[in-house]
Amino acid sequence: MTDFAGKVFLITGATSGLGATAAIQLAGKGAKVAITGRREEQGNAVLDQIKAAGGEGLFIKTDVTVRADVEAMVARTVDRFGRLDGAVNNAGVAAGVFTPIADFADEDWHASIDTNLTAVFMGMKFQIPALLASGGGSIVNISSIYGTVGGDIGNCGYVASKWGVIGLTKTAAIDYARQGIRVNAVCPGYCHSEMVDPYAEADPALFEKLLERYTATGRLGESHVVADAIEFLLSDQASFVSGAAIPVQGGEHSRLY
C-alpha cells in the first residue's frame, strides 16, 4: 500500500468524478489534499469525504481559465500546508460534441482549448516553482484516449486540446527532468463520469453502439481505476517514469476497425 503521509497534493476539477475520487483515495493514504472547482457546495461535500477517509483537505474555489485564480490556488495550498509535492491537472470540458469542424462553434473551440489545454499550461507554470521549493515532485496531467488518436465523433476541440496536453506534458518532463520533477499524462477511455454519463442517458441505443465499437471490453470504466494510475505516478514507485502518456482504457483503440 502506498504511504503518502506528509505529502501535499493539489487536484483541479475535483468537485466530482475522477478528481474527487483521486482526492479521497490519496487522502485515505495519508496525503493532505487541496481540491479546486467552481462549485462550492460540491467541493465542501468532497472535503467531508476526505475527512471521513482520515485525511486533511482544503477546497479552493477556482476557475482554471483565470490566471489569477490558478496562481492563487497554488499559493493558498502552500500557505495552508507548507509545501507542494504533487499536482493533478484534471479540470476539463467536452464542448461541441458530435459537431463536425465546419459547424463547430468558435466558443466551443475556445472553451475546449482554454479549459483543457491552457489551464494545464497555467497550472504547471505556478505548480513547478512550488514543487522546486519543496525539493521536487510529480505532476499528472489528464489527457484522454482521444489525445492519442483522431476522434471520429466530431469533437475537434476536445481532441485537439487533449493531444496538446500530451505534447505539453512531454515538453515539461524534458525541461525539468534534472531538477527532480516528473511530469506524466493519464489517458482515460470511456469511464463513468459527469462528462460521459449524460450522453449514455440521452441516447442509450447510440451509446451502446459506441461502446461496442470503441471499447474492447464492451463496458465503461470506473473512476477509481484511473485514480489508481494517478496514485502510481505520484508515488515513488514511479520514480523513473516521466514524459509518459499512460492509457487507462480497457483495450480501447488497441485493434484495427
C-alpha atoms as a PDB file:
ATOM      1  CA  MET A   1       0.000   0.000   0.000  1.00  0.00           C
ATOM      2  CA  THR A   2       1.315   3.438  -0.944  1.00  0.00           C
ATOM      3  CA  ASP A   3       2.037   5.699   2.020  1.00  0.00           C
ATOM      4  CA  PHE A   4       1.584   9.398   1.287  1.00  0.00           C
ATOM      5  CA  ALA A   5       1.933  10.569   4.897  1.00  0.00           C
ATOM      6  CA  GLY A   6       3.264  14.120   4.937  1.00  0.00           C
ATOM      7  CA  LYS A   7       2.735  14.618   1.203  1.00  0.00           C
ATOM      8  CA  VAL A   8       0.717  17.538  -0.150  1.00  0.00           C
ATOM      9  CA  PHE A   9      -1.183  17.280  -3.429  1.00  0.00           C
ATOM     10  CA  LEU A  10      -3.276  19.743  -5.439  1.00  0.00           C
ATOM     11  CA  ILE A  11      -6.033  18.466  -7.744  1.00  0.00           C
ATOM     12  CA  THR A  12      -8.020  20.683 -10.110  1.00  0.00           C
ATOM     13  CA  GLY A  13     -11.575  19.883 -11.151  1.00  0.00           C
ATOM     14  CA  ALA A  14     -12.090  17.779  -8.043  1.00  0.00           C
ATOM     15  CA  THR A  15     -15.658  18.577  -7.007  1.00  0.00           C
ATOM     16  CA  SER A  16     -16.895  15.360  -8.644  1.00  0.00           C
ATOM     17  CA  GLY A  17     -15.880  12.434 -10.839  1.00  0.00           C
ATOM     18  CA  LEU A  18     -12.270  11.439 -11.314  1.00  0.00           C
ATOM     19  CA  GLY A  19     -10.840  14.414  -9.450  1.00  0.00           C
ATOM     20  CA  ALA A  20     -12.951  13.750  -6.371  1.00  0.00           C
ATOM     21  CA  THR A  21     -12.205  10.026  -6.475  1.00  0.00           C
ATOM     22  CA  ALA A  22      -8.462  10.652  -6.687  1.00  0.00           C
ATOM     23  CA  ALA A  23      -8.563  13.206  -3.863  1.00  0.00           C
ATOM     24  CA  ILE A  24     -10.413  10.874  -1.499  1.00  0.00           C
ATOM     25  CA  GLN A  25      -8.165   7.948  -2.426  1.00  0.00           C
ATOM     26  CA  LEU A  26      -4.953   9.912  -1.815  1.00  0.00           C
ATOM     27  CA  ALA A  27      -6.273  11.338   1.451  1.00  0.00           C
ATOM     28  CA  GLY A  28      -7.060   7.819   2.614  1.00  0.00           C
ATOM     29  CA  LYS A  29      -3.374   7.006   2.224  1.00  0.00           C
ATOM     30  CA  GLY A  30      -2.143   9.878   4.331  1.00  0.00           C
ATOM     31  CA  ALA A  31      -1.903  12.817   1.925  1.00  0.00           C
ATOM     32  CA  LYS A  32      -3.068  16.350   2.540  1.00  0.00           C
ATOM     33  CA  VAL A  33      -5.122  17.326  -0.487  1.00  0.00           C
ATOM     34  CA  ALA A  34      -6.160  20.707  -1.853  1.00  0.00           C
ATOM     35  CA  ILE A  35      -9.032  20.439  -4.316  1.00  0.00           C
ATOM     36  CA  THR A  36     -10.347  23.056  -6.699  1.00  0.00           C
ATOM     37  CA  GLY A  37     -13.500  23.674  -8.676  1.00  0.00           C
ATOM     38  CA  ARG A  38     -16.182  26.248  -9.325  1.00  0.00           C
ATOM     39  CA  ARG A  39     -18.963  24.567  -7.320  1.00  0.00           C
ATOM     40  CA  GLU A  40     -18.509  25.364  -3.654  1.00  0.00           C
ATOM     41  CA  GLU A  41     -21.262  23.113  -2.326  1.00  0.00           C
ATOM     42  CA  GLN A  42     -19.903  20.067  -4.146  1.00  0.00           C
ATOM     43  CA  GLY A  43     -16.364  20.973  -3.109  1.00  0.00           C
ATOM     44  CA  ASN A  44     -17.322  21.034   0.544  1.00  0.00           C
ATOM     45  CA  ALA A  45     -19.071  17.679   0.116  1.00  0.00           C
ATOM     46  CA  VAL A  46     -15.839  16.180  -1.223  1.00  0.00           C
ATOM     47  CA  LEU A  47     -13.994  17.709   1.745  1.00  0.00           C
ATOM     48  CA  ASP A  48     -16.351  15.822   4.055  1.00  0.00           C
ATOM     49  CA  GLN A  49     -15.444  12.585   2.276  1.00  0.00           C
ATOM     50  CA  ILE A  50     -11.739  13.399   2.545  1.00  0.00           C
ATOM     51  CA  LYS A  51     -12.161  13.841   6.289  1.00  0.00           C
ATOM     52  CA  ALA A  52     -14.167  10.614   6.509  1.00  0.00           C
ATOM     53  CA  ALA A  53     -11.249   8.845   4.810  1.00  0.00           C
ATOM     54  CA  GLY A  54      -8.992  10.119   7.590  1.00  0.00           C
ATOM     55  CA  GLY A  55      -7.328  12.844   5.560  1.00  0.00           C
ATOM     56  CA  GLU A  56      -6.954  16.600   5.680  1.00  0.00           C
ATOM     57  CA  GLY A  57      -8.247  18.744   2.845  1.00  0.00           C
ATOM     58  CA  LEU A  58      -8.754  22.261   1.554  1.00  0.00           C
ATOM     59  CA  PHE A  59     -11.289  23.449  -1.015  1.00  0.00           C
ATOM     60  CA  ILE A  60     -10.281  26.430  -3.146  1.00  0.00           C
ATOM     61  CA  LYS A  61     -12.952  27.898  -5.407  1.00  0.00           C
ATOM     62  CA  THR A  62     -11.166  28.266  -8.732  1.00  0.00           C
ATOM     63  CA  ASP A  63     -11.843  28.990 -12.374  1.00  0.00           C
ATOM     64  CA  VAL A  64      -8.848  27.395 -14.102  1.00  0.00           C
ATOM     65  CA  THR A  65      -9.316  29.644 -17.144  1.00  0.00           C
ATOM     66  CA  VAL A  66      -8.487  32.688 -14.993  1.00  0.00           C
ATOM     67  CA  ARG A  67      -4.752  33.206 -14.477  1.00  0.00           C
ATOM     68  CA  ALA A  68      -5.126  34.932 -11.112  1.00  0.00           C
ATOM     69  CA  ASP A  69      -7.259  32.057  -9.800  1.00  0.00           C
ATOM     70  CA  VAL A  70      -4.664  29.490 -10.851  1.00  0.00           C
ATOM     71  CA  GLU A  71      -1.824  31.422  -9.241  1.00  0.00           C
ATOM     72  CA  ALA A  72      -3.891  31.830  -6.069  1.00  0.00           C
ATOM     73  CA  MET A  73      -4.801  28.127  -5.804  1.00  0.00           C
ATOM     74  CA  VAL A  74      -1.125  27.175  -5.670  1.00  0.00           C
ATOM     75  CA  ALA A  75      -0.282  29.945  -3.215  1.00  0.00           C
ATOM     76  CA  ARG A  76      -3.156  29.002  -0.906  1.00  0.00           C
ATOM     77  CA  THR A  77      -2.152  25.346  -0.956  1.00  0.00           C
ATOM     78  CA  VAL A  78       1.408  26.196   0.085  1.00  0.00           C
ATOM     79  CA  ASP A  79       0.199  28.727   2.671  1.00  0.00           C
ATOM     80  CA  ARG A  80      -2.053  26.110   4.269  1.00  0.00           C
ATOM     81  CA  PHE A  81       0.176  23.042   4.127  1.00  0.00           C
ATOM     82  CA  GLY A  82       3.678  24.499   3.857  1.00  0.00           C
ATOM     83  CA  ARG A  83       4.733  22.716   0.673  1.00  0.00           C
ATOM     84  CA  LEU A  84       3.616  21.058  -2.549  1.00  0.00           C
ATOM     85  CA  ASP A  85       4.678  17.535  -3.542  1.00  0.00           C
ATOM     86  CA  GLY A  86       2.427  16.837  -6.495  1.00  0.00           C
ATOM     87  CA  ALA A  87      -0.356  18.169  -8.681  1.00  0.00           C
ATOM     88  CA  VAL A  88      -3.076  16.672 -10.844  1.00  0.00           C
ATOM     89  CA  ASN A  89      -4.357  18.939 -13.616  1.00  0.00           C
ATOM     90  CA  ASN A  90      -7.723  17.303 -14.146  1.00  0.00           C
ATOM     91  CA  ALA A  91     -10.269  20.041 -14.903  1.00  0.00           C
ATOM     92  CA  GLY A  92     -11.784  19.591 -18.345  1.00  0.00           C
ATOM     93  CA  VAL A  93     -14.794  20.078 -20.598  1.00  0.00           C
ATOM     94  CA  ALA A  94     -16.259  18.400 -23.672  1.00  0.00           C
ATOM     95  CA  ALA A  95     -17.788  21.236 -25.682  1.00  0.00           C
ATOM     96  CA  GLY A  96     -19.481  20.841 -29.058  1.00  0.00           C
ATOM     97  CA  VAL A  97     -19.631  17.044 -29.028  1.00  0.00           C
ATOM     98  CA  PHE A  98     -20.831  15.355 -32.266  1.00  0.00           C
ATOM     99  CA  THR A  99     -20.286  18.556 -34.279  1.00  0.00           C
ATOM    100  CA  PRO A 100     -18.110  18.458 -37.433  1.00  0.00           C
ATOM    101  CA  ILE A 101     -15.437  21.107 -37.901  1.00  0.00           C
ATOM    102  CA  ALA A 102     -17.305  23.328 -40.379  1.00  0.00           C
ATOM    103  CA  ASP A 103     -20.195  23.627 -37.915  1.00  0.00           C
ATOM    104  CA  PHE A 104     -18.104  23.768 -34.746  1.00  0.00           C
ATOM    105  CA  ALA A 105     -18.859  26.950 -32.792  1.00  0.00           C
ATOM    106  CA  ASP A 106     -15.983  29.315 -32.077  1.00  0.00           C
ATOM    107  CA  GLU A 107     -16.973  29.493 -28.430  1.00  0.00           C
ATOM    108  CA  ASP A 108     -16.836  25.691 -28.111  1.00  0.00           C
ATOM    109  CA  TRP A 109     -13.351  25.680 -29.610  1.00  0.00           C
ATOM    110  CA  HIS A 110     -12.127  28.341 -27.189  1.00  0.00           C
ATOM    111  CA  ALA A 111     -13.803  26.632 -24.224  1.00  0.00           C
ATOM    112  CA  SER A 112     -12.051  23.373 -25.111  1.00  0.00           C
ATOM    113  CA  ILE A 113      -8.609  24.910 -25.539  1.00  0.00           C
ATOM    114  CA  ASP A 114      -8.888  27.306 -22.594  1.00  0.00           C
ATOM    115  CA  THR A 115     -10.014  24.685 -20.074  1.00  0.00           C
ATOM    116  CA  ASN A 116      -8.357  21.508 -21.333  1.00  0.00           C
ATOM    117  CA  LEU A 117      -5.011  22.858 -22.513  1.00  0.00           C
ATOM    118  CA  THR A 118      -4.228  26.440 -21.500  1.00  0.00           C
ATOM    119  CA  ALA A 119      -5.289  25.717 -17.910  1.00  0.00           C
ATOM    120  CA  VAL A 120      -2.827  22.805 -17.790  1.00  0.00           C
ATOM    121  CA  PHE A 121      -0.033  25.094 -19.004  1.00  0.00           C
ATOM    122  CA  MET A 122      -1.015  27.760 -16.486  1.00  0.00           C
ATOM    123  CA  GLY A 123      -1.296  25.206 -13.700  1.00  0.00           C
ATOM    124  CA  MET A 124       2.211  23.895 -14.318  1.00  0.00           C
ATOM    125  CA  LYS A 125       3.550  27.438 -14.637  1.00  0.00           C
ATOM    126  CA  PHE A 126       2.723  28.050 -10.967  1.00  0.00           C
ATOM    127  CA  GLN A 127       2.983  24.484  -9.648  1.00  0.00           C
ATOM    128  CA  ILE A 128       6.556  23.931 -10.819  1.00  0.00           C
ATOM    129  CA  PRO A 129       8.158  26.707  -8.717  1.00  0.00           C
ATOM    130  CA  ALA A 130       6.293  25.405  -5.653  1.00  0.00           C
ATOM    131  CA  LEU A 131       7.484  21.860  -6.358  1.00  0.00           C
ATOM    132  CA  LEU A 132      11.070  23.052  -6.807  1.00  0.00           C
ATOM    133  CA  ALA A 133      10.863  24.873  -3.473  1.00  0.00           C
ATOM    134  CA  SER A 134       9.786  21.582  -1.875  1.00  0.00           C
ATOM    135  CA  GLY A 135      12.679  19.631  -3.402  1.00  0.00           C
ATOM    136  CA  GLY A 136      10.877  18.244  -6.446  1.00  0.00           C
ATOM    137  CA  GLY A 137       7.734  16.249  -7.070  1.00  0.00           C
ATOM    138  CA  SER A 138       5.325  14.893  -9.638  1.00  0.00           C
ATOM    139  CA  ILE A 139       2.705  16.366 -11.955  1.00  0.00           C
ATOM    140  CA  VAL A 140      -0.033  14.293 -13.582  1.00  0.00           C
ATOM    141  CA  ASN A 141      -1.961  15.887 -16.440  1.00  0.00           C
ATOM    142  CA  ILE A 142      -5.237  14.306 -17.502  1.00  0.00           C
ATOM    143  CA  SER A 143      -5.418  13.849 -21.253  1.00  0.00           C
ATOM    144  CA  SER A 144      -7.693  11.270 -22.916  1.00  0.00           C
ATOM    145  CA  ILE A 145      -7.542   8.299 -25.208  1.00  0.00           C
ATOM    146  CA  TYR A 146      -8.573  10.911 -27.773  1.00  0.00           C
ATOM    147  CA  GLY A 147      -5.246  12.585 -27.111  1.00  0.00           C
ATOM    148  CA  THR A 148      -3.606   9.632 -28.858  1.00  0.00           C
ATOM    149  CA  VAL A 149      -5.875   9.053 -31.868  1.00  0.00           C
ATOM    150  CA  GLY A 150      -8.060  11.086 -34.187  1.00  0.00           C
ATOM    151  CA  GLY A 151     -11.627  11.417 -32.976  1.00  0.00           C
ATOM    152  CA  ASP A 152     -14.290  10.421 -35.455  1.00  0.00           C
ATOM    153  CA  ILE A 153     -17.131  11.601 -33.242  1.00  0.00           C
ATOM    154  CA  GLY A 154     -16.990  15.207 -34.452  1.00  0.00           C
ATOM    155  CA  ASN A 155     -15.294  16.822 -31.485  1.00  0.00           C
ATOM    156  CA  CYS A 156     -12.302  18.681 -32.848  1.00  0.00           C
ATOM    157  CA  GLY A 157     -11.898  20.969 -29.825  1.00  0.00           C
ATOM    158  CA  TYR A 158     -11.684  18.143 -27.314  1.00  0.00           C
ATOM    159  CA  VAL A 159      -9.369  16.031 -29.454  1.00  0.00           C
ATOM    160  CA  ALA A 160      -7.012  18.900 -30.299  1.00  0.00           C
ATOM    161  CA  SER A 161      -6.808  20.022 -26.680  1.00  0.00           C
ATOM    162  CA  LYS A 162      -6.071  16.529 -25.377  1.00  0.00           C
ATOM    163  CA  TRP A 163      -3.354  15.949 -27.985  1.00  0.00           C
ATOM    164  CA  GLY A 164      -1.911  19.257 -26.811  1.00  0.00           C
ATOM    165  CA  VAL A 165      -1.855  18.076 -23.197  1.00  0.00           C
ATOM    166  CA  ILE A 166       0.392  15.156 -24.132  1.00  0.00           C
ATOM    167  CA  GLY A 167       2.793  17.373 -26.084  1.00  0.00           C
ATOM    168  CA  LEU A 168       2.900  19.850 -23.209  1.00  0.00           C
ATOM    169  CA  THR A 169       3.483  17.017 -20.734  1.00  0.00           C
ATOM    170  CA  LYS A 170       6.409  15.586 -22.678  1.00  0.00           C
ATOM    171  CA  THR A 171       7.992  19.018 -23.069  1.00  0.00           C
ATOM    172  CA  ALA A 172       7.684  19.796 -19.353  1.00  0.00           C
ATOM    173  CA  ALA A 173       9.135  16.380 -18.493  1.00  0.00           C
ATOM    174  CA  ILE A 174      12.254  17.193 -20.511  1.00  0.00           C
ATOM    175  CA  ASP A 175      12.517  20.752 -19.183  1.00  0.00           C
ATOM    176  CA  TYR A 176      12.570  19.645 -15.529  1.00  0.00           C
ATOM    177  CA  ALA A 177      13.974  16.104 -15.655  1.00  0.00           C
ATOM    178  CA  ARG A 178      17.210  17.137 -13.941  1.00  0.00           C
ATOM    179  CA  GLN A 179      15.503  19.265 -11.324  1.00  0.00           C
ATOM    180  CA  GLY A 180      13.605  16.486  -9.595  1.00  0.00           C
ATOM    181  CA  ILE A 181      10.220  16.973 -11.225  1.00  0.00           C
ATOM    182  CA  ARG A 182       8.449  14.209 -13.123  1.00  0.00           C
ATOM    183  CA  VAL A 183       5.575  15.046 -15.481  1.00  0.00           C
ATOM    184  CA  ASN A 184       3.250  12.414 -16.930  1.00  0.00           C
ATOM    185  CA  ALA A 185      -0.183  12.163 -18.506  1.00  0.00           C
ATOM    186  CA  VAL A 186      -3.015   9.717 -17.946  1.00  0.00           C
ATOM    187  CA  CYS A 187      -5.283   8.991 -20.914  1.00  0.00           C
ATOM    188  CA  PRO A 188      -8.651   7.613 -19.760  1.00  0.00           C
ATOM    189  CA  GLY A 189     -11.014   5.887 -22.143  1.00  0.00           C
ATOM    190  CA  TYR A 190     -14.784   5.852 -21.735  1.00  0.00           C
ATOM    191  CA  CYS A 191     -15.444   5.889 -17.977  1.00  0.00           C
ATOM    192  CA  HIS A 192     -18.474   6.730 -15.877  1.00  0.00           C
ATOM    193  CA  SER A 193     -18.330  10.492 -15.301  1.00  0.00           C
ATOM    194  CA  GLU A 194     -20.371  13.687 -15.446  1.00  0.00           C
ATOM    195  CA  MET A 195     -18.929  14.162 -18.927  1.00  0.00           C
ATOM    196  CA  VAL A 196     -19.846  10.720 -20.310  1.00  0.00           C
ATOM    197  CA  ASP A 197     -22.963   9.538 -18.475  1.00  0.00           C
ATOM    198  CA  PRO A 198     -25.345  12.216 -19.857  1.00  0.00           C
ATOM    199  CA  TYR A 199     -24.688  11.005 -23.405  1.00  0.00           C
ATOM    200  CA  ALA A 200     -25.481   7.436 -22.382  1.00  0.00           C
ATOM    201  CA  GLU A 201     -28.739   8.579 -20.805  1.00  0.00           C
ATOM    202  CA  ALA A 202     -29.729  10.828 -23.726  1.00  0.00           C
ATOM    203  CA  ASP A 203     -29.459   8.116 -26.388  1.00  0.00           C
ATOM    204  CA  PRO A 204     -28.868   4.642 -24.899  1.00  0.00           C
ATOM    205  CA  ALA A 205     -29.085   2.880 -28.276  1.00  0.00           C
ATOM    206  CA  LEU A 206     -26.445   5.104 -29.863  1.00  0.00           C
ATOM    207  CA  PHE A 207     -24.232   4.844 -26.816  1.00  0.00           C
ATOM    208  CA  GLU A 208     -24.466   1.055 -26.902  1.00  0.00           C
ATOM    209  CA  LYS A 209     -23.142   1.169 -30.472  1.00  0.00           C
ATOM    210  CA  LEU A 210     -20.308   3.446 -29.375  1.00  0.00           C
ATOM    211  CA  LEU A 211     -19.379   1.059 -26.578  1.00  0.00           C
ATOM    212  CA  GLU A 212     -19.340  -1.862 -28.982  1.00  0.00           C
ATOM    213  CA  ARG A 213     -17.113  -0.026 -31.419  1.00  0.00           C
ATOM    214  CA  TYR A 214     -14.785   1.874 -29.122  1.00  0.00           C
ATOM    215  CA  THR A 215     -14.267  -0.396 -26.112  1.00  0.00           C
ATOM    216  CA  ALA A 216     -12.719  -3.842 -26.313  1.00  0.00           C
ATOM    217  CA  THR A 217     -14.385  -4.780 -23.023  1.00  0.00           C
ATOM    218  CA  GLY A 218     -17.826  -3.502 -24.055  1.00  0.00           C
ATOM    219  CA  ARG A 219     -18.299  -1.576 -20.817  1.00  0.00           C
ATOM    220  CA  LEU A 220     -17.453   1.749 -19.229  1.00  0.00           C
ATOM    221  CA  GLY A 221     -14.533   2.039 -16.847  1.00  0.00           C
ATOM    222  CA  GLU A 222     -14.735   3.292 -13.281  1.00  0.00           C
ATOM    223  CA  SER A 223     -13.047   6.410 -11.952  1.00  0.00           C
ATOM    224  CA  HIS A 224     -11.177   4.553  -9.206  1.00  0.00           C
ATOM    225  CA  VAL A 225      -9.200   2.608 -11.831  1.00  0.00           C
ATOM    226  CA  VAL A 226      -7.968   5.863 -13.365  1.00  0.00           C
ATOM    227  CA  ALA A 227      -7.243   7.163  -9.852  1.00  0.00           C
ATOM    228  CA  ASP A 228      -5.015   4.112  -9.318  1.00  0.00           C
ATOM    229  CA  ALA A 229      -2.880   5.220 -12.276  1.00  0.00           C
ATOM    230  CA  ILE A 230      -2.681   8.742 -10.864  1.00  0.00           C
ATOM    231  CA  GLU A 231      -1.658   7.366  -7.481  1.00  0.00           C
ATOM    232  CA  PHE A 232       1.117   5.309  -9.063  1.00  0.00           C
ATOM    233  CA  LEU A 233       2.507   8.282 -10.988  1.00  0.00           C
ATOM    234  CA  LEU A 234       2.524  10.462  -7.872  1.00  0.00           C
ATOM    235  CA  SER A 235       4.304   7.779  -5.850  1.00  0.00           C
ATOM    236  CA  ASP A 236       7.984   6.917  -5.501  1.00  0.00           C
ATOM    237  CA  GLN A 237       7.226   3.654  -7.302  1.00  0.00           C
ATOM    238  CA  ALA A 238       7.165   5.742 -10.493  1.00  0.00           C
ATOM    239  CA  SER A 239      10.494   7.451  -9.762  1.00  0.00           C
ATOM    240  CA  PHE A 240      11.864   6.552 -13.219  1.00  0.00           C
ATOM    241  CA  VAL A 241       8.662   7.339 -15.112  1.00  0.00           C
ATOM    242  CA  SER A 242       8.450  10.746 -16.754  1.00  0.00           C
ATOM    243  CA  GLY A 243       7.132  12.019 -20.067  1.00  0.00           C
ATOM    244  CA  ALA A 244       4.766   9.054 -20.348  1.00  0.00           C
ATOM    245  CA  ALA A 245       1.170   9.086 -21.569  1.00  0.00           C
ATOM    246  CA  ILE A 246      -0.444   6.103 -19.883  1.00  0.00           C
ATOM    247  CA  PRO A 247      -3.686   4.761 -21.406  1.00  0.00           C
ATOM    248  CA  VAL A 248      -6.339   3.500 -18.987  1.00  0.00           C
ATOM    249  CA  GLN A 249      -8.982   2.359 -21.443  1.00  0.00           C
ATOM    250  CA  GLY A 250      -9.735  -1.365 -21.308  1.00  0.00           C
ATOM    251  CA  GLY A 251      -8.098  -2.119 -24.647  1.00  0.00           C
ATOM    252  CA  GLU A 252      -9.816   0.720 -26.483  1.00  0.00           C
ATOM    253  CA  HIS A 253      -8.141   1.565 -29.812  1.00  0.00           C
ATOM    254  CA  SER A 254      -5.798  -1.436 -29.487  1.00  0.00           C
ATOM    255  CA  ARG A 255      -7.268  -3.070 -32.576  1.00  0.00           C
ATOM    256  CA  LEU A 256      -7.920  -2.081 -36.162  1.00  0.00           C
ATOM    257  CA  TYR A 257     -11.528  -1.252 -37.015  1.00  0.00           C
END
